[in-house]
Amino acid sequence: MNSGSTTADPEAGHAGGASVVQSAEPSEVSAPTRSGPSRRALATGAVLLAALLGAVWWLHHQFTHVLVEDARVATDMVAISSRVPGWAVDIRVISGDVARRGDLLVSIDDRDTRLLLQELDARLAGVARRRDELLARIRMIDLQTAGKMRAQDAAVDAAQAGFAAARTREGLAQVEAGRFEKLAPIGAVGRDQLDQARAALETAGQQVRSAMANLESSRAGVAQAQADREQLTVLRHQVAGLDPEEVDLRAQRERALLDLRDRAVSMPFDGVIDRTFINAGEYVSAGQRLMLVHDPQAVRVEANVKETDIRHFRPGKKVRIVVDALPGQAFEGTVVKVGQAATSEFALLPNPNPSGNFTKITQRLPVRIAVRQQDGLLKPGMMVEVEAAAGD
């Protein structure tokens, strides 16, 4: 019995030892099992706290800021047009190219204009030659008529002196003949002396008439010289008549030069080519659009703000701009101008609502926001979101 009990004890001891080992292992395993739920609880609490704080911040942000999603990057698109018609012989740019101010964009056929310039230059040279010729004739006639005038004046003076002398001789002959006429009847003088006195008087009269004719001829020569000198006035009028003709030709030449310059269409400012509408070899009409360009540095943001929020967008207000194409990057803008009429006022098909059924719709007003370009990232047409603090 004792031996049997002794034999049984080791088994019992072994069994007990086994039970101890089995009970010890679960206790070692259960220790980390009890610490696991507490970590998850802490993580869950942290997540809930962060979510709560985020919700509180979001609600606070919603109540203190105004968000406008209907906004776009905009700029002034400039349509480059042709002022003159002709064939487009050369196109130097394509869509997306960058061009500097003064760079050649399109060349239009200029052969007719160049020929017109050559013709006008030839006509201007002809006017200059005619002016030179007329001025030379004026100088020549001036010299000729001036000498002739002096000669005729001298001839008149000589004729006047000869006429005065003839008159004096005639007077003496009349006195002599009169004295002989009185002496002849009383026989104081002979018949031959009386005849000589009468002949001398007749000769003196003829000399007076001859001197008078010579004087009149000299005066006529002066008149003729004066008439010849009037050619100077005619020639001077002809020279003056060349001035309007020259002015007209120069105006035509300036117009041709303007036409020639317009046939080389150049870039009006530093910018980019947005779109081209023609190809080389096409015929271009006057006023036809050739391409669209814009200045990438002159971008802005245009937003349509609800009328209930427009009070938060006064000129000078700072706003935050987020571009859909540039996530994680924000821009600062400044409100420049607020529209004076709602966008619905410019609709092509207005809705006067004559039926009397009315549904109130919140209207929107256009707002222009200035924004600074950064490395050309802002491109016209990009969708942006504008955020402004409420109540500032």
Protein backbone atom coordinates (compact mmCIF):
# COMPACT_ATOMS: atom_id res chain seq x y z
CA MET A 1 0.00 0.00 0.00
CA ASN A 2 2.75 2.32 0.94
CA SER A 3 4.70 1.38 -2.10
CA GLY A 4 1.61 1.82 -4.19
CA SER A 5 1.01 5.19 -2.72
CA THR A 6 4.64 5.98 -3.23
CA THR A 7 4.32 5.04 -6.86
CA ALA A 8 1.20 7.08 -7.23
CA ASP A 9 2.77 10.19 -5.75
CA PRO A 10 5.32 10.68 -8.50
CA GLU A 11 2.56 10.48 -11.09
CA ALA A 12 0.52 12.84 -9.09
CA GLY A 13 3.55 15.03 -8.71
CA HIS A 14 4.18 14.82 -12.38
CA ALA A 15 0.59 15.53 -13.13
CA GLY A 16 0.66 18.42 -10.74
CA GLY A 17 3.82 19.69 -12.29
CA ALA A 18 2.22 19.47 -15.65
CA SER A 19 -0.75 21.38 -14.43
CA VAL A 20 1.52 24.02 -13.03
CA VAL A 21 3.30 24.35 -16.35
CA GLN A 22 0.01 24.52 -18.23
CA SER A 23 -1.35 27.15 -15.89
CA ALA A 24 1.87 29.18 -16.13
CA GLU A 25 1.84 29.43 -19.92
CA PRO A 26 -1.60 31.00 -20.17
CA SER A 27 -0.63 33.54 -17.56
CA GLU A 28 2.43 34.54 -19.58
CA VAL A 29 0.33 34.83 -22.75
CA SER A 30 -2.51 36.69 -21.11
CA ALA A 31 -0.23 39.50 -19.89
CA PRO A 32 0.23 41.14 -23.32
CA THR A 33 -3.37 40.42 -24.15
CA ARG A 34 -4.48 42.66 -21.35
CA SER A 35 -2.17 45.55 -22.49
CA GLY A 36 -3.36 45.44 -26.20
CA PRO A 37 -6.85 46.94 -25.78
CA SER A 38 -5.46 49.89 -23.85
CA ARG A 39 -3.16 50.89 -26.77
CA ARG A 40 -5.97 50.59 -29.25
CA ALA A 41 -8.11 52.66 -26.99
CA LEU A 42 -5.43 55.32 -26.81
CA ALA A 43 -5.04 55.30 -30.61
CA THR A 44 -8.79 55.42 -31.09
CA GLY A 45 -9.08 58.25 -28.62
CA ALA A 46 -6.33 60.16 -30.36
CA VAL A 47 -8.04 59.68 -33.70
CA LEU A 48 -11.37 60.77 -32.31
CA LEU A 49 -9.78 63.78 -30.65
CA ALA A 50 -8.04 64.74 -33.89
CA ALA A 51 -11.30 64.29 -35.78
CA LEU A 52 -13.11 66.40 -33.21
CA LEU A 53 -10.48 69.13 -33.41
CA GLY A 54 -10.58 68.97 -37.20
CA ALA A 55 -14.37 69.22 -37.15
CA VAL A 56 -14.22 72.16 -34.78
CA TRP A 57 -11.61 73.87 -36.95
CA TRP A 58 -13.65 73.15 -40.08
CA LEU A 59 -16.81 74.53 -38.53
CA HIS A 60 -14.94 77.58 -37.30
CA HIS A 61 -13.38 78.04 -40.72
CA GLN A 62 -16.77 77.71 -42.40
CA PHE A 63 -18.27 80.38 -40.18
CA THR A 64 -15.30 82.77 -40.45
CA HIS A 65 -14.37 82.40 -44.16
CA VAL A 66 -16.16 82.60 -47.49
CA LEU A 67 -15.20 80.13 -50.23
CA VAL A 68 -15.90 80.83 -53.90
CA GLU A 69 -15.47 77.89 -56.24
CA ASP A 70 -16.69 79.59 -59.41
CA ALA A 71 -13.43 81.38 -60.24
CA ARG A 72 -10.91 81.16 -63.04
CA VAL A 73 -7.56 82.53 -64.05
CA ALA A 74 -8.13 85.14 -66.73
CA THR A 75 -6.15 87.57 -68.86
CA ASP A 76 -6.65 89.92 -71.79
CA MET A 77 -6.54 87.85 -74.96
CA VAL A 78 -5.32 90.07 -77.79
CA ALA A 79 -6.46 89.20 -81.30
CA ILE A 80 -3.69 89.97 -83.79
CA SER A 81 -5.35 91.05 -87.04
CA SER A 82 -4.20 92.21 -90.43
CA ARG A 83 -4.90 95.78 -91.52
CA VAL A 84 -4.12 95.00 -95.16
CA PRO A 85 -5.14 92.17 -97.48
CA GLY A 86 -2.72 89.83 -99.19
CA TRP A 87 -1.14 86.40 -99.25
CA ALA A 88 0.42 85.13 -96.03
CA VAL A 89 3.84 84.15 -97.31
CA ASP A 90 5.52 83.34 -93.99
CA ILE A 91 4.33 82.43 -90.48
CA ARG A 92 7.11 82.45 -87.91
CA VAL A 93 5.28 81.11 -84.82
CA ILE A 94 2.87 78.38 -83.77
CA SER A 95 0.62 77.93 -80.77
CA GLY A 96 2.57 77.85 -77.52
CA ASP A 97 5.57 79.83 -78.74
CA VAL A 98 7.01 82.66 -76.67
CA ALA A 99 7.56 85.91 -78.55
CA ARG A 100 9.23 89.18 -77.62
CA ARG A 101 7.98 92.64 -78.40
CA GLY A 102 8.69 93.45 -82.04
CA ASP A 103 9.29 89.84 -83.14
CA LEU A 104 7.95 89.06 -86.61
CA LEU A 105 4.83 86.88 -86.50
CA VAL A 106 3.39 86.89 -90.03
CA SER A 107 4.68 88.24 -93.35
CA ILE A 108 2.14 89.30 -95.98
CA ASP A 109 3.02 89.65 -99.67
CA ASP A 110 4.44 93.18 -100.20
CA ARG A 111 5.50 93.19 -103.86
CA ASP A 112 2.81 95.65 -105.02
CA THR A 113 3.63 98.02 -102.18
CA ARG A 114 7.34 98.01 -102.97
CA LEU A 115 6.61 98.78 -106.63
CA LEU A 116 4.34 101.63 -105.55
CA LEU A 117 7.14 103.02 -103.40
CA GLN A 118 9.52 102.95 -106.36
CA GLU A 119 6.97 104.78 -108.50
CA LEU A 120 6.40 107.45 -105.85
CA ASP A 121 10.14 107.92 -105.37
CA ALA A 122 10.51 108.47 -109.13
CA ARG A 123 7.69 111.01 -109.17
CA LEU A 124 9.21 112.85 -106.21
CA ALA A 125 12.54 112.96 -108.01
CA GLY A 126 10.75 114.39 -111.07
CA VAL A 127 9.19 117.12 -108.95
CA ALA A 128 12.61 117.99 -107.56
CA ARG A 129 14.10 118.22 -111.06
CA ARG A 130 11.26 120.44 -112.29
CA ARG A 131 11.75 122.73 -109.31
CA ASP A 132 15.45 123.00 -110.03
CA GLU A 133 14.71 123.79 -113.68
CA LEU A 134 12.19 126.49 -112.80
CA LEU A 135 14.54 128.05 -110.28
CA ALA A 136 17.30 128.12 -112.90
CA ARG A 137 14.97 129.83 -115.38
CA ILE A 138 13.98 132.33 -112.72
CA ARG A 139 17.60 133.23 -112.11
CA MET A 140 18.32 133.52 -115.83
CA ILE A 141 15.27 135.67 -116.62
CA ASP A 142 15.96 137.78 -113.58
CA LEU A 143 19.45 138.58 -114.84
CA GLN A 144 18.26 139.15 -118.41
CA THR A 145 15.32 141.37 -117.56
CA ALA A 146 17.26 143.30 -114.94
CA GLY A 147 19.89 144.28 -117.55
CA LYS A 148 17.21 145.06 -120.11
CA MET A 149 15.36 147.21 -117.62
CA ARG A 150 18.48 149.21 -116.89
CA ALA A 151 19.16 149.65 -120.62
CA GLN A 152 15.60 150.77 -121.33
CA ASP A 153 15.66 153.18 -118.40
CA ALA A 154 18.86 154.69 -119.80
CA ALA A 155 17.27 154.89 -123.25
CA VAL A 156 14.26 156.69 -121.79
CA ASP A 157 16.52 159.15 -120.05
CA ALA A 158 18.44 159.77 -123.31
CA ALA A 159 15.19 160.11 -125.26
CA GLN A 160 13.84 162.58 -122.74
CA ALA A 161 17.05 164.61 -123.01
CA GLY A 162 16.88 164.52 -126.82
CA PHE A 163 13.24 165.54 -126.75
CA ALA A 164 14.02 168.47 -124.45
CA ALA A 165 16.85 169.58 -126.76
CA ALA A 166 14.59 169.33 -129.81
CA ARG A 167 11.95 171.37 -128.06
CA THR A 168 14.57 173.99 -127.25
CA ARG A 169 15.74 174.11 -130.85
CA GLU A 170 12.19 174.32 -132.02
CA GLY A 171 11.60 177.22 -129.70
CA LEU A 172 14.62 179.07 -131.04
CA ALA A 173 13.57 178.35 -134.59
CA GLN A 174 10.11 179.73 -133.88
CA VAL A 175 11.57 182.91 -132.43
CA GLU A 176 13.91 183.33 -135.39
CA ALA A 177 11.20 182.65 -137.92
CA GLY A 178 8.85 185.06 -136.17
CA ARG A 179 11.41 187.82 -136.21
CA PHE A 180 12.10 187.29 -139.90
CA GLU A 181 8.39 187.29 -140.65
CA LYS A 182 8.15 190.75 -139.11
CA LEU A 183 11.27 192.09 -140.88
CA ALA A 184 10.52 190.69 -144.30
CA PRO A 185 7.61 193.06 -145.12
CA ILE A 186 9.72 196.16 -144.50
CA GLY A 187 12.60 194.77 -146.50
CA ALA A 188 14.91 194.37 -143.52
CA VAL A 189 15.68 190.76 -144.51
CA GLY A 190 15.76 189.08 -147.81
CA ARG A 191 13.41 186.54 -149.17
CA ASP A 192 16.00 183.80 -148.94
CA GLN A 193 16.64 184.47 -145.25
CA LEU A 194 12.94 184.20 -144.53
CA ASP A 195 12.78 180.91 -146.38
CA GLN A 196 15.76 179.60 -144.43
CA ALA A 197 14.13 180.60 -141.12
CA ARG A 198 10.93 178.86 -142.14
CA ALA A 199 12.87 175.72 -143.14
CA ALA A 200 14.80 175.76 -139.86
CA LEU A 201 11.50 175.95 -137.97
CA GLU A 202 10.10 173.04 -139.95
CA THR A 203 13.25 171.03 -139.32
CA ALA A 204 13.12 171.78 -135.60
CA GLY A 205 9.50 170.61 -135.51
CA GLN A 206 10.40 167.38 -137.22
CA GLN A 207 13.22 166.85 -134.76
CA VAL A 208 10.78 167.39 -131.86
CA ARG A 209 8.43 164.82 -133.33
CA SER A 210 11.30 162.43 -133.86
CA ALA A 211 12.51 162.93 -130.29
CA MET A 212 8.96 162.35 -129.07
CA ALA A 213 8.73 159.11 -131.05
CA ASN A 214 12.10 158.00 -129.73
CA LEU A 215 10.93 158.74 -126.18
CA GLU A 216 7.74 156.77 -126.69
CA SER A 217 9.75 153.89 -128.14
CA SER A 218 12.06 153.91 -125.14
CA ARG A 219 9.08 153.92 -122.79
CA ALA A 220 7.58 151.02 -124.75
CA GLY A 221 10.88 149.20 -124.33
CA VAL A 222 10.63 149.73 -120.58
CA ALA A 223 7.10 148.36 -120.62
CA GLN A 224 8.28 145.36 -122.65
CA ALA A 225 11.11 144.76 -120.18
CA GLN A 226 8.64 144.96 -117.33
CA ALA A 227 6.39 142.47 -119.14
CA ASP A 228 9.33 140.14 -119.64
CA ARG A 229 10.11 140.44 -115.96
CA GLU A 230 6.56 139.34 -115.13
CA GLN A 231 7.63 135.90 -116.31
CA LEU A 232 9.36 135.65 -112.98
CA THR A 233 6.00 135.83 -111.23
CA VAL A 234 4.61 133.09 -113.48
CA LEU A 235 7.61 130.88 -112.84
CA ARG A 236 7.44 131.51 -109.09
CA HIS A 237 3.77 130.44 -109.14
CA GLN A 238 4.78 127.29 -110.99
CA VAL A 239 7.41 126.59 -108.33
CA ALA A 240 4.84 127.17 -105.60
CA GLY A 241 2.45 124.84 -107.44
CA LEU A 242 4.97 122.05 -107.06
CA ASP A 243 4.71 122.20 -103.26
CA PRO A 244 1.16 120.75 -102.98
CA GLU A 245 2.07 118.09 -105.53
CA GLU A 246 5.14 117.16 -103.52
CA VAL A 247 3.13 117.11 -100.28
CA ASP A 248 0.56 114.82 -101.92
CA LEU A 249 3.27 112.48 -103.22
CA ARG A 250 4.97 112.38 -99.82
CA ALA A 251 1.64 111.58 -98.17
CA GLN A 252 1.12 108.75 -100.65
CA ARG A 253 4.63 107.52 -99.91
CA GLU A 254 3.99 107.58 -96.15
CA ARG A 255 0.79 105.65 -96.73
CA ALA A 256 2.70 103.11 -98.81
CA LEU A 257 5.34 102.82 -96.08
CA LEU A 258 2.60 102.29 -93.51
CA ASP A 259 1.12 99.60 -95.74
CA LEU A 260 4.57 98.02 -96.06
CA ARG A 261 5.07 98.01 -92.28
CA ASP A 262 1.60 96.54 -91.76
CA ARG A 263 2.52 93.64 -94.01
CA ALA A 264 5.06 92.57 -91.40
CA VAL A 265 2.83 91.74 -88.43
CA SER A 266 4.87 91.89 -85.23
CA MET A 267 4.33 91.08 -81.58
CA PRO A 268 2.92 94.07 -79.66
CA PHE A 269 4.39 92.98 -76.30
CA ASP A 270 6.30 90.21 -74.57
CA GLY A 271 3.92 87.27 -74.47
CA VAL A 272 2.92 83.84 -75.70
CA ILE A 273 1.02 82.63 -78.76
CA ASP A 274 -2.24 81.03 -77.70
CA ARG A 275 -3.62 80.04 -81.06
CA THR A 276 -3.02 80.62 -84.77
CA PHE A 277 -5.85 80.74 -87.31
CA ILE A 278 -4.02 80.76 -90.66
CA ASN A 279 -1.39 78.80 -92.53
CA ALA A 280 1.28 79.97 -94.96
CA GLY A 281 -0.14 80.50 -98.43
CA GLU A 282 -3.63 81.52 -97.33
CA TYR A 283 -5.16 84.81 -98.48
CA VAL A 284 -5.72 87.23 -95.61
CA SER A 285 -8.47 89.85 -95.69
CA ALA A 286 -8.25 93.23 -94.01
CA GLY A 287 -9.32 92.88 -90.39
CA GLN A 288 -9.05 89.09 -90.36
CA ARG A 289 -7.81 87.52 -87.13
CA LEU A 290 -4.45 85.88 -87.48
CA MET A 291 -3.75 84.66 -83.94
CA LEU A 292 -4.49 85.14 -80.25
CA VAL A 293 -1.75 86.20 -77.84
CA HIS A 294 -1.57 87.23 -74.21
CA ASP A 295 0.89 88.54 -71.67
CA PRO A 296 1.55 85.77 -69.11
CA GLN A 297 2.60 88.34 -66.52
CA ALA A 298 -0.75 90.14 -66.73
CA VAL A 299 -2.96 87.36 -65.36
CA ARG A 300 -5.74 87.87 -62.87
CA VAL A 301 -8.52 85.92 -61.21
CA GLU A 302 -12.16 86.54 -62.04
CA ALA A 303 -14.71 85.15 -59.63
CA ASN A 304 -18.50 85.17 -59.57
CA VAL A 305 -19.45 85.82 -55.95
CA LYS A 306 -22.89 85.28 -54.48
CA GLU A 307 -24.71 88.48 -53.72
CA THR A 308 -25.05 87.33 -50.11
CA ASP A 309 -21.26 87.15 -49.79
CA ILE A 310 -20.27 90.17 -51.89
CA ARG A 311 -19.91 92.32 -48.76
CA HIS A 312 -16.77 90.35 -47.89
CA PHE A 313 -15.07 91.27 -51.20
CA ARG A 314 -14.40 94.96 -51.11
CA PRO A 315 -11.54 96.52 -53.14
CA GLY A 316 -8.19 96.09 -51.39
CA LYS A 317 -9.25 92.94 -49.53
CA LYS A 318 -6.61 90.20 -49.33
CA VAL A 319 -7.80 86.74 -50.39
CA ARG A 320 -6.31 83.27 -50.61
CA ILE A 321 -6.26 81.54 -53.97
CA VAL A 322 -5.88 77.80 -54.53
CA VAL A 323 -5.46 76.48 -58.06
CA ASP A 324 -6.95 73.10 -58.90
CA ALA A 325 -3.98 72.27 -61.11
CA LEU A 326 -1.46 73.11 -58.36
CA PRO A 327 -2.49 71.22 -55.23
CA GLY A 328 -0.73 72.23 -52.06
CA GLN A 329 0.27 75.64 -53.39
CA ALA A 330 -1.57 78.81 -52.44
CA PHE A 331 -1.41 82.32 -53.91
CA GLU A 332 -2.26 85.63 -52.34
CA GLY A 333 -4.57 87.96 -54.22
CA THR A 334 -6.06 91.39 -53.79
CA VAL A 335 -9.57 92.38 -54.74
CA VAL A 336 -9.29 95.08 -57.40
CA LYS A 337 -12.80 95.67 -58.62
CA VAL A 338 -16.33 94.56 -57.82
CA GLY A 339 -18.85 94.45 -60.63
CA GLN A 340 -21.74 96.90 -60.61
CA ALA A 341 -24.26 94.49 -62.14
CA ALA A 342 -25.08 90.81 -61.68
CA THR A 343 -23.94 88.39 -64.36
CA SER A 344 -27.58 87.57 -65.17
CA GLU A 345 -28.01 91.09 -66.55
CA PHE A 346 -25.74 90.18 -69.45
CA ALA A 347 -27.50 86.95 -70.41
CA LEU A 348 -28.29 86.57 -74.11
CA LEU A 349 -31.74 85.22 -73.28
CA PRO A 350 -33.16 87.17 -70.32
CA ASN A 351 -35.97 85.67 -68.30
CA PRO A 352 -38.59 88.38 -67.57
CA ASN A 353 -40.90 85.84 -65.87
CA PRO A 354 -44.22 87.14 -67.24
CA SER A 355 -46.24 84.28 -65.77
CA GLY A 356 -45.92 85.49 -62.20
CA ASN A 357 -44.36 82.26 -60.98
CA PHE A 358 -41.28 83.26 -59.05
CA THR A 359 -38.35 81.25 -57.79
CA LYS A 360 -35.76 83.27 -55.97
CA ILE A 361 -32.23 82.47 -57.15
CA THR A 362 -29.16 83.90 -55.57
CA GLN A 363 -27.43 86.09 -58.13
CA ARG A 364 -23.70 86.46 -58.60
CA LEU A 365 -21.57 89.53 -59.18
CA PRO A 366 -18.22 89.50 -60.97
CA VAL A 367 -15.13 90.26 -58.89
CA ARG A 368 -11.69 90.91 -60.29
CA ILE A 369 -8.70 89.85 -58.18
CA ALA A 370 -5.10 90.77 -58.84
CA VAL A 371 -2.61 87.94 -58.39
CA ARG A 372 1.12 87.78 -59.02
CA GLN A 373 2.35 85.30 -61.59
CA GLN A 374 4.89 82.73 -60.40
CA ASP A 375 7.13 81.09 -62.99
CA GLY A 376 4.29 81.06 -65.51
CA LEU A 377 2.28 78.56 -63.46
CA LEU A 378 -0.98 80.49 -63.72
CA LYS A 379 -2.52 79.99 -67.14
CA PRO A 380 -5.75 81.51 -68.44
CA GLY A 381 -8.78 79.28 -67.97
CA MET A 382 -7.51 77.36 -64.92
CA MET A 383 -10.13 76.73 -62.26
CA VAL A 384 -9.29 78.24 -58.87
CA GLU A 385 -10.94 78.59 -55.48
CA VAL A 386 -10.97 81.93 -53.73
CA GLU A 387 -11.16 82.15 -49.96
CA ALA A 388 -11.76 85.37 -48.04
CA ALA A 389 -12.06 86.05 -44.34
CA ALA A 390 -15.59 87.05 -43.36
CA GLY A 391 -16.20 90.21 -41.44
CA ASP A 392 -12.80 91.88 -42.14
